[in-house]
Amino acid sequence: MMVTFSRLPAVAGAAAGTAGEFARSILTVLTPGLAVVMLMMILLVALLFAALMLTVSSYAKSFKESQTYMTPFVLVAAVAGYMVMFAAPDALPGWYFVVPFVNVAALMKELLYGIMNAWHAALVIGSLAVYTAGAVALSAAAFGRESLVVRG
């Protein structure tokens, strides 16, 4: 595994300075390849969240009840971020990269530290694609039931 912390002091030092310095230091770490991986990951996780939330909220009888059903999704996403927060980016366990929502936080941490591990990126993108396809299929099946869509 390749670890590159060479630009990290510049990023950390710029964080204490102005916002412009911080933005310039992030741009030195963020390459076009990393930006593409981040964009793919963000799009897949947004689709996954949307499909899961749509499926679960479709069973609610009111907007208020639907909002109550959404609370666990927010909590799961927060816990996923906390799991990765204090771990060193070069010492993340392999299973972090296949667990939904934890995988996004883990890969994002690696990428922002300048670590580009193609295997980790492939695991995250691949697992997110599988989870997203399953969630979209589940959502489509839920809306395929007339009793769920048309309520009296």
N, C-alpha and C. Protein backbone atom coordinates (compact mmCIF):
# COMPACT_ATOMS: atom_id res chain seq x y z
N MET A 1 0.84 -1.16 0.00
CA MET A 1 0.00 0.00 0.00
C MET A 1 0.90 1.23 0.00
N MET A 2 0.62 2.15 -0.90
CA MET A 2 1.44 3.34 -0.99
C MET A 2 0.84 4.46 -0.13
N VAL A 3 1.65 5.04 0.71
CA VAL A 3 1.19 6.12 1.58
C VAL A 3 1.96 7.37 1.20
N THR A 4 1.23 8.43 0.91
CA THR A 4 1.89 9.69 0.58
C THR A 4 1.39 10.76 1.52
N PHE A 5 2.21 11.09 2.48
CA PHE A 5 1.88 12.16 3.41
C PHE A 5 2.69 13.42 3.10
N SER A 6 3.31 13.45 1.94
CA SER A 6 4.21 14.56 1.63
C SER A 6 3.47 15.90 1.57
N ARG A 7 2.22 15.90 1.14
CA ARG A 7 1.48 17.15 1.02
C ARG A 7 0.63 17.45 2.24
N LEU A 8 0.55 16.51 3.17
CA LEU A 8 -0.30 16.69 4.34
C LEU A 8 0.10 17.89 5.21
N PRO A 9 1.37 18.12 5.49
CA PRO A 9 1.71 19.31 6.28
C PRO A 9 1.28 20.60 5.62
N ALA A 10 1.35 20.67 4.30
CA ALA A 10 0.92 21.87 3.60
C ALA A 10 -0.58 22.08 3.77
N VAL A 11 -1.33 21.00 3.70
CA VAL A 11 -2.79 21.10 3.87
C VAL A 11 -3.13 21.50 5.30
N ALA A 12 -2.48 20.86 6.27
CA ALA A 12 -2.75 21.17 7.67
C ALA A 12 -2.33 22.59 8.01
N GLY A 13 -1.21 23.03 7.49
CA GLY A 13 -0.75 24.39 7.74
C GLY A 13 -1.67 25.42 7.11
N ALA A 14 -2.14 25.12 5.92
CA ALA A 14 -3.03 26.05 5.24
C ALA A 14 -4.39 26.12 5.92
N ALA A 15 -4.78 25.05 6.60
CA ALA A 15 -6.07 25.05 7.29
C ALA A 15 -6.08 26.09 8.40
N ALA A 16 -4.91 26.35 8.97
CA ALA A 16 -4.82 27.36 10.02
C ALA A 16 -4.81 28.76 9.42
N GLY A 17 -4.53 28.89 8.12
CA GLY A 17 -4.46 30.19 7.46
C GLY A 17 -5.81 30.60 6.92
N THR A 18 -5.79 31.30 5.80
CA THR A 18 -7.02 31.80 5.21
C THR A 18 -7.73 30.70 4.43
N ALA A 19 -8.97 30.96 4.10
CA ALA A 19 -9.74 29.98 3.33
C ALA A 19 -9.14 29.77 1.96
N GLY A 20 -8.60 30.82 1.37
CA GLY A 20 -7.99 30.71 0.05
C GLY A 20 -6.77 29.81 0.07
N GLU A 21 -5.95 29.93 1.11
CA GLU A 21 -4.78 29.07 1.24
C GLU A 21 -5.20 27.61 1.38
N PHE A 22 -6.25 27.38 2.16
CA PHE A 22 -6.74 26.02 2.35
C PHE A 22 -7.25 25.45 1.04
N ALA A 23 -8.00 26.24 0.28
CA ALA A 23 -8.53 25.77 -0.99
C ALA A 23 -7.40 25.44 -1.96
N ARG A 24 -6.37 26.27 -2.00
CA ARG A 24 -5.22 26.00 -2.89
C ARG A 24 -4.50 24.72 -2.46
N SER A 25 -4.38 24.48 -1.16
CA SER A 25 -3.68 23.28 -0.72
C SER A 25 -4.49 22.02 -1.01
N ILE A 26 -5.80 22.10 -0.92
CA ILE A 26 -6.64 20.95 -1.27
C ILE A 26 -6.49 20.65 -2.76
N LEU A 27 -6.41 21.68 -3.58
CA LEU A 27 -6.28 21.46 -5.02
C LEU A 27 -4.96 20.80 -5.38
N THR A 28 -3.93 20.94 -4.55
CA THR A 28 -2.68 20.23 -4.83
C THR A 28 -2.81 18.74 -4.56
N VAL A 29 -3.68 18.36 -3.64
CA VAL A 29 -3.91 16.95 -3.32
C VAL A 29 -4.92 16.34 -4.28
N LEU A 30 -5.92 17.11 -4.67
CA LEU A 30 -7.02 16.61 -5.48
C LEU A 30 -6.65 16.63 -6.96
N THR A 31 -6.41 15.45 -7.49
CA THR A 31 -6.09 15.31 -8.92
C THR A 31 -7.37 15.00 -9.68
N PRO A 32 -7.36 15.13 -10.99
CA PRO A 32 -8.57 14.78 -11.76
C PRO A 32 -9.03 13.34 -11.54
N GLY A 33 -8.09 12.41 -11.41
CA GLY A 33 -8.46 11.01 -11.17
C GLY A 33 -9.18 10.83 -9.84
N LEU A 34 -8.67 11.49 -8.80
CA LEU A 34 -9.31 11.42 -7.49
C LEU A 34 -10.69 12.06 -7.53
N ALA A 35 -10.81 13.15 -8.27
CA ALA A 35 -12.10 13.83 -8.38
C ALA A 35 -13.13 12.94 -9.06
N VAL A 36 -12.72 12.19 -10.07
CA VAL A 36 -13.65 11.28 -10.76
C VAL A 36 -14.10 10.16 -9.82
N VAL A 37 -13.17 9.59 -9.07
CA VAL A 37 -13.52 8.52 -8.12
C VAL A 37 -14.48 9.06 -7.07
N MET A 38 -14.19 10.26 -6.53
CA MET A 38 -15.07 10.87 -5.53
C MET A 38 -16.46 11.13 -6.10
N LEU A 39 -16.53 11.64 -7.33
CA LEU A 39 -17.81 11.92 -7.95
C LEU A 39 -18.62 10.64 -8.15
N MET A 40 -17.97 9.59 -8.65
CA MET A 40 -18.68 8.31 -8.83
C MET A 40 -19.21 7.79 -7.50
N MET A 41 -18.38 7.88 -6.48
CA MET A 41 -18.76 7.39 -5.17
C MET A 41 -19.93 8.20 -4.61
N ILE A 42 -19.87 9.50 -4.73
CA ILE A 42 -20.94 10.36 -4.22
C ILE A 42 -22.25 10.11 -4.96
N LEU A 43 -22.18 9.95 -6.27
CA LEU A 43 -23.40 9.68 -7.04
C LEU A 43 -24.01 8.34 -6.66
N LEU A 44 -23.17 7.32 -6.49
CA LEU A 44 -23.70 6.00 -6.11
C LEU A 44 -24.31 6.01 -4.71
N VAL A 45 -23.66 6.66 -3.77
CA VAL A 45 -24.20 6.67 -2.41
C VAL A 45 -25.47 7.54 -2.34
N ALA A 46 -25.55 8.58 -3.14
CA ALA A 46 -26.77 9.40 -3.18
C ALA A 46 -27.93 8.58 -3.75
N LEU A 47 -27.66 7.81 -4.79
CA LEU A 47 -28.69 6.95 -5.37
C LEU A 47 -29.11 5.86 -4.40
N LEU A 48 -28.13 5.30 -3.68
CA LEU A 48 -28.43 4.28 -2.68
C LEU A 48 -29.33 4.84 -1.58
N PHE A 49 -28.95 6.00 -1.05
CA PHE A 49 -29.76 6.64 -0.01
C PHE A 49 -31.17 6.93 -0.54
N ALA A 50 -31.25 7.48 -1.74
CA ALA A 50 -32.56 7.83 -2.30
C ALA A 50 -33.44 6.60 -2.48
N ALA A 51 -32.87 5.52 -2.99
CA ALA A 51 -33.67 4.31 -3.21
C ALA A 51 -34.13 3.71 -1.89
N LEU A 52 -33.23 3.65 -0.90
CA LEU A 52 -33.62 3.11 0.40
C LEU A 52 -34.67 3.98 1.09
N MET A 53 -34.46 5.28 1.05
CA MET A 53 -35.42 6.18 1.69
C MET A 53 -36.77 6.16 0.99
N LEU A 54 -36.76 6.08 -0.33
CA LEU A 54 -38.01 6.01 -1.08
C LEU A 54 -38.77 4.74 -0.74
N THR A 55 -38.07 3.63 -0.65
CA THR A 55 -38.70 2.36 -0.32
C THR A 55 -39.32 2.39 1.07
N VAL A 56 -38.54 2.85 2.04
CA VAL A 56 -39.03 2.87 3.42
C VAL A 56 -40.15 3.89 3.59
N SER A 57 -40.00 5.06 3.01
CA SER A 57 -41.02 6.10 3.19
C SER A 57 -42.32 5.77 2.48
N SER A 58 -42.27 4.89 1.49
CA SER A 58 -43.50 4.53 0.78
C SER A 58 -44.47 3.76 1.67
N TYR A 59 -43.98 3.18 2.75
CA TYR A 59 -44.85 2.46 3.67
C TYR A 59 -45.49 3.38 4.71
N ALA A 60 -45.06 4.63 4.76
CA ALA A 60 -45.61 5.58 5.74
C ALA A 60 -46.98 6.07 5.28
N LYS A 61 -47.79 6.39 6.26
CA LYS A 61 -49.14 6.88 5.95
C LYS A 61 -49.21 8.40 5.92
N SER A 62 -48.17 9.08 6.42
CA SER A 62 -48.16 10.54 6.42
C SER A 62 -46.73 11.02 6.26
N PHE A 63 -46.60 12.31 5.97
CA PHE A 63 -45.28 12.91 5.84
C PHE A 63 -44.52 12.83 7.16
N LYS A 64 -45.22 13.07 8.25
CA LYS A 64 -44.59 13.03 9.57
C LYS A 64 -44.04 11.63 9.89
N GLU A 65 -44.82 10.62 9.58
CA GLU A 65 -44.40 9.24 9.81
C GLU A 65 -43.19 8.91 8.92
N SER A 66 -43.21 9.39 7.71
CA SER A 66 -42.10 9.16 6.79
C SER A 66 -40.81 9.79 7.33
N GLN A 67 -40.90 10.99 7.88
CA GLN A 67 -39.73 11.65 8.46
C GLN A 67 -39.18 10.84 9.64
N THR A 68 -40.06 10.24 10.40
CA THR A 68 -39.62 9.40 11.51
C THR A 68 -38.86 8.18 11.00
N TYR A 69 -39.30 7.63 9.89
CA TYR A 69 -38.62 6.47 9.31
C TYR A 69 -37.24 6.82 8.76
N MET A 70 -37.00 8.10 8.46
CA MET A 70 -35.72 8.52 7.88
C MET A 70 -34.61 8.68 8.93
N THR A 71 -34.97 8.80 10.20
CA THR A 71 -33.99 9.03 11.26
C THR A 71 -32.89 7.96 11.30
N PRO A 72 -33.20 6.68 11.20
CA PRO A 72 -32.11 5.69 11.23
C PRO A 72 -31.08 5.86 10.11
N PHE A 73 -31.52 6.35 8.95
CA PHE A 73 -30.57 6.55 7.85
C PHE A 73 -29.54 7.61 8.21
N VAL A 74 -29.98 8.67 8.84
CA VAL A 74 -29.07 9.74 9.25
C VAL A 74 -28.11 9.22 10.32
N LEU A 75 -28.63 8.45 11.25
CA LEU A 75 -27.79 7.90 12.31
C LEU A 75 -26.74 6.93 11.77
N VAL A 76 -27.13 6.09 10.84
CA VAL A 76 -26.19 5.13 10.25
C VAL A 76 -25.06 5.87 9.53
N ALA A 77 -25.41 6.90 8.79
CA ALA A 77 -24.39 7.68 8.08
C ALA A 77 -23.45 8.36 9.06
N ALA A 78 -23.97 8.88 10.15
CA ALA A 78 -23.13 9.54 11.15
C ALA A 78 -22.20 8.55 11.83
N VAL A 79 -22.71 7.39 12.21
CA VAL A 79 -21.88 6.37 12.86
C VAL A 79 -20.78 5.89 11.91
N ALA A 80 -21.10 5.77 10.64
CA ALA A 80 -20.10 5.36 9.65
C ALA A 80 -18.95 6.35 9.61
N GLY A 81 -19.27 7.62 9.65
CA GLY A 81 -18.23 8.64 9.66
C GLY A 81 -17.40 8.60 10.93
N TYR A 82 -18.05 8.37 12.05
CA TYR A 82 -17.34 8.31 13.33
C TYR A 82 -16.40 7.11 13.41
N MET A 83 -16.79 5.99 12.77
CA MET A 83 -15.95 4.80 12.79
C MET A 83 -14.59 5.06 12.13
N VAL A 84 -14.60 5.88 11.12
CA VAL A 84 -13.40 6.14 10.34
C VAL A 84 -12.61 7.34 10.87
N MET A 85 -13.26 8.17 11.65
CA MET A 85 -12.69 9.46 12.04
C MET A 85 -11.31 9.35 12.70
N PHE A 86 -11.14 8.47 13.64
CA PHE A 86 -9.90 8.43 14.41
C PHE A 86 -8.90 7.39 13.90
N ALA A 87 -9.25 6.65 12.88
CA ALA A 87 -8.34 5.65 12.32
C ALA A 87 -7.34 6.33 11.39
N ALA A 88 -6.11 5.83 11.40
CA ALA A 88 -5.10 6.35 10.48
C ALA A 88 -5.48 5.94 9.06
N PRO A 89 -5.33 6.83 8.09
CA PRO A 89 -5.77 6.51 6.73
C PRO A 89 -5.01 5.36 6.08
N ASP A 90 -3.81 5.07 6.56
CA ASP A 90 -3.05 3.97 5.98
C ASP A 90 -3.22 2.67 6.77
N ALA A 91 -4.08 2.67 7.79
CA ALA A 91 -4.27 1.48 8.62
C ALA A 91 -5.74 1.08 8.73
N LEU A 92 -6.53 1.42 7.74
CA LEU A 92 -7.95 1.07 7.77
C LEU A 92 -8.12 -0.41 7.45
N PRO A 93 -8.93 -1.13 8.24
CA PRO A 93 -9.15 -2.56 7.95
C PRO A 93 -9.83 -2.75 6.60
N GLY A 94 -9.59 -3.87 5.98
CA GLY A 94 -10.15 -4.14 4.66
C GLY A 94 -11.67 -4.20 4.63
N TRP A 95 -12.28 -4.63 5.72
CA TRP A 95 -13.74 -4.76 5.71
C TRP A 95 -14.43 -3.40 5.71
N TYR A 96 -13.71 -2.33 6.06
CA TYR A 96 -14.28 -0.97 5.99
C TYR A 96 -14.69 -0.63 4.56
N PHE A 97 -14.04 -1.22 3.58
CA PHE A 97 -14.26 -0.84 2.19
C PHE A 97 -15.40 -1.60 1.52
N VAL A 98 -16.08 -2.48 2.25
CA VAL A 98 -17.23 -3.18 1.68
C VAL A 98 -18.51 -2.96 2.49
N VAL A 99 -18.41 -2.38 3.66
CA VAL A 99 -19.59 -2.11 4.49
C VAL A 99 -20.24 -0.82 4.00
N PRO A 100 -21.53 -0.85 3.68
CA PRO A 100 -22.18 0.35 3.15
C PRO A 100 -22.01 1.55 4.09
N PHE A 101 -21.77 2.70 3.51
CA PHE A 101 -21.62 4.00 4.16
C PHE A 101 -20.28 4.12 4.90
N VAL A 102 -19.79 3.06 5.51
CA VAL A 102 -18.46 3.09 6.10
C VAL A 102 -17.43 3.14 4.98
N ASN A 103 -17.73 2.41 3.88
CA ASN A 103 -16.80 2.37 2.76
C ASN A 103 -16.60 3.75 2.13
N VAL A 104 -17.64 4.54 2.07
CA VAL A 104 -17.53 5.88 1.50
C VAL A 104 -16.64 6.77 2.38
N ALA A 105 -16.87 6.71 3.67
CA ALA A 105 -16.06 7.52 4.60
C ALA A 105 -14.60 7.08 4.57
N ALA A 106 -14.36 5.76 4.50
CA ALA A 106 -12.99 5.25 4.49
C ALA A 106 -12.25 5.66 3.22
N LEU A 107 -12.90 5.49 2.08
CA LEU A 107 -12.22 5.85 0.83
C LEU A 107 -12.04 7.36 0.72
N MET A 108 -13.02 8.12 1.17
CA MET A 108 -12.89 9.58 1.12
C MET A 108 -11.71 10.02 1.98
N LYS A 109 -11.54 9.40 3.14
CA LYS A 109 -10.42 9.74 4.01
C LYS A 109 -9.10 9.44 3.31
N GLU A 110 -9.00 8.25 2.71
CA GLU A 110 -7.78 7.91 1.99
C GLU A 110 -7.49 8.91 0.88
N LEU A 111 -8.50 9.23 0.10
CA LEU A 111 -8.30 10.12 -1.04
C LEU A 111 -7.89 11.52 -0.60
N LEU A 112 -8.49 12.02 0.46
CA LEU A 112 -8.14 13.35 0.93
C LEU A 112 -6.75 13.41 1.56
N TYR A 113 -6.24 12.28 1.99
CA TYR A 113 -4.87 12.22 2.49
C TYR A 113 -3.87 11.94 1.37
N GLY A 114 -4.36 11.85 0.14
CA GLY A 114 -3.47 11.64 -0.99
C GLY A 114 -3.11 10.19 -1.25
N ILE A 115 -3.84 9.27 -0.65
CA ILE A 115 -3.59 7.84 -0.85
C ILE A 115 -4.57 7.35 -1.91
N MET A 116 -4.04 6.87 -3.03
CA MET A 116 -4.90 6.32 -4.07
C MET A 116 -4.59 4.84 -4.20
N ASN A 117 -5.43 4.02 -3.55
CA ASN A 117 -5.30 2.58 -3.62
C ASN A 117 -6.39 2.08 -4.56
N ALA A 118 -5.99 1.63 -5.74
CA ALA A 118 -6.96 1.23 -6.76
C ALA A 118 -7.84 0.08 -6.28
N TRP A 119 -7.29 -0.84 -5.49
CA TRP A 119 -8.07 -1.97 -4.99
C TRP A 119 -9.17 -1.47 -4.06
N HIS A 120 -8.86 -0.54 -3.18
CA HIS A 120 -9.87 0.00 -2.28
C HIS A 120 -10.95 0.75 -3.06
N ALA A 121 -10.53 1.52 -4.05
CA ALA A 121 -11.50 2.26 -4.87
C ALA A 121 -12.41 1.29 -5.62
N ALA A 122 -11.84 0.22 -6.16
CA ALA A 122 -12.65 -0.78 -6.88
C ALA A 122 -13.62 -1.48 -5.93
N LEU A 123 -13.16 -1.81 -4.72
CA LEU A 123 -14.05 -2.44 -3.73
C LEU A 123 -15.22 -1.53 -3.38
N VAL A 124 -14.93 -0.27 -3.14
CA VAL A 124 -15.98 0.67 -2.75
C VAL A 124 -16.95 0.90 -3.89
N ILE A 125 -16.45 1.21 -5.07
CA ILE A 125 -17.34 1.47 -6.22
C ILE A 125 -18.14 0.21 -6.56
N GLY A 126 -17.48 -0.94 -6.57
CA GLY A 126 -18.18 -2.19 -6.88
C GLY A 126 -19.24 -2.55 -5.86
N SER A 127 -18.89 -2.45 -4.58
CA SER A 127 -19.88 -2.79 -3.55
C SER A 127 -21.03 -1.78 -3.54
N LEU A 128 -20.72 -0.51 -3.75
CA LEU A 128 -21.79 0.49 -3.82
C LEU A 128 -22.70 0.23 -5.01
N ALA A 129 -22.12 -0.19 -6.14
CA ALA A 129 -22.95 -0.49 -7.32
C ALA A 129 -23.88 -1.66 -7.04
N VAL A 130 -23.38 -2.68 -6.36
CA VAL A 130 -24.23 -3.84 -6.02
C VAL A 130 -25.33 -3.44 -5.04
N TYR A 131 -24.95 -2.71 -3.99
CA TYR A 131 -25.95 -2.28 -3.00
C TYR A 131 -26.99 -1.35 -3.62
N THR A 132 -26.54 -0.47 -4.50
CA THR A 132 -27.46 0.46 -5.15
C THR A 132 -28.41 -0.27 -6.08
N ALA A 133 -27.90 -1.22 -6.84
CA ALA A 133 -28.76 -2.00 -7.73
C ALA A 133 -29.81 -2.77 -6.92
N GLY A 134 -29.39 -3.33 -5.79
CA GLY A 134 -30.35 -4.02 -4.93
C GLY A 134 -31.40 -3.09 -4.35
N ALA A 135 -30.99 -1.90 -3.94
CA ALA A 135 -31.94 -0.94 -3.37
C ALA A 135 -32.91 -0.43 -4.42
N VAL A 136 -32.42 -0.18 -5.62
CA VAL A 136 -33.31 0.27 -6.71
C VAL A 136 -34.29 -0.84 -7.08
N ALA A 137 -33.83 -2.08 -7.12
CA ALA A 137 -34.72 -3.21 -7.41
C ALA A 137 -35.77 -3.36 -6.33
N LEU A 138 -35.37 -3.19 -5.07
CA LEU A 138 -36.31 -3.25 -3.95
C LEU A 138 -37.35 -2.14 -4.05
N SER A 139 -36.90 -0.96 -4.40
CA SER A 139 -37.81 0.17 -4.56
C SER A 139 -38.78 -0.06 -5.71
N ALA A 140 -38.27 -0.58 -6.81
CA ALA A 140 -39.13 -0.86 -7.96
C ALA A 140 -40.16 -1.94 -7.62
N ALA A 141 -39.75 -2.94 -6.86
CA ALA A 141 -40.68 -3.99 -6.45
C ALA A 141 -41.74 -3.44 -5.52
N ALA A 142 -41.34 -2.53 -4.63
CA ALA A 142 -42.32 -1.94 -3.71
C ALA A 142 -43.35 -1.12 -4.48
N PHE A 143 -42.89 -0.37 -5.46
CA PHE A 143 -43.84 0.44 -6.23
C PHE A 143 -44.57 -0.36 -7.28
N GLY A 144 -44.17 -1.60 -7.50
CA GLY A 144 -44.89 -2.47 -8.40
C GLY A 144 -46.14 -3.06 -7.76
N ARG A 145 -46.23 -2.96 -6.44
CA ARG A 145 -47.41 -3.46 -5.73
C ARG A 145 -48.49 -2.38 -5.71
N GLU A 146 -49.61 -2.72 -6.27
CA GLU A 146 -50.71 -1.74 -6.37
C GLU A 146 -51.24 -1.35 -5.00
N SER A 147 -51.24 -2.29 -4.06
CA SER A 147 -51.77 -2.01 -2.72
C SER A 147 -50.94 -0.93 -2.01
N LEU A 148 -49.68 -0.83 -2.35
CA LEU A 148 -48.82 0.17 -1.72
C LEU A 148 -49.00 1.53 -2.37
N VAL A 149 -49.13 1.53 -3.69
CA VAL A 149 -49.22 2.80 -4.43
C VAL A 149 -50.58 3.44 -4.27
N VAL A 150 -51.63 2.64 -4.37
CA VAL A 150 -53.01 3.16 -4.30
C VAL A 150 -53.61 2.77 -2.97
N ARG A 151 -53.73 3.74 -2.10
CA ARG A 151 -54.33 3.48 -0.79
C ARG A 151 -55.65 4.22 -0.69
N GLY A 152 -56.58 3.60 -0.03
CA GLY A 152 -57.92 4.19 0.06
C GLY A 152 -58.23 4.87 1.31
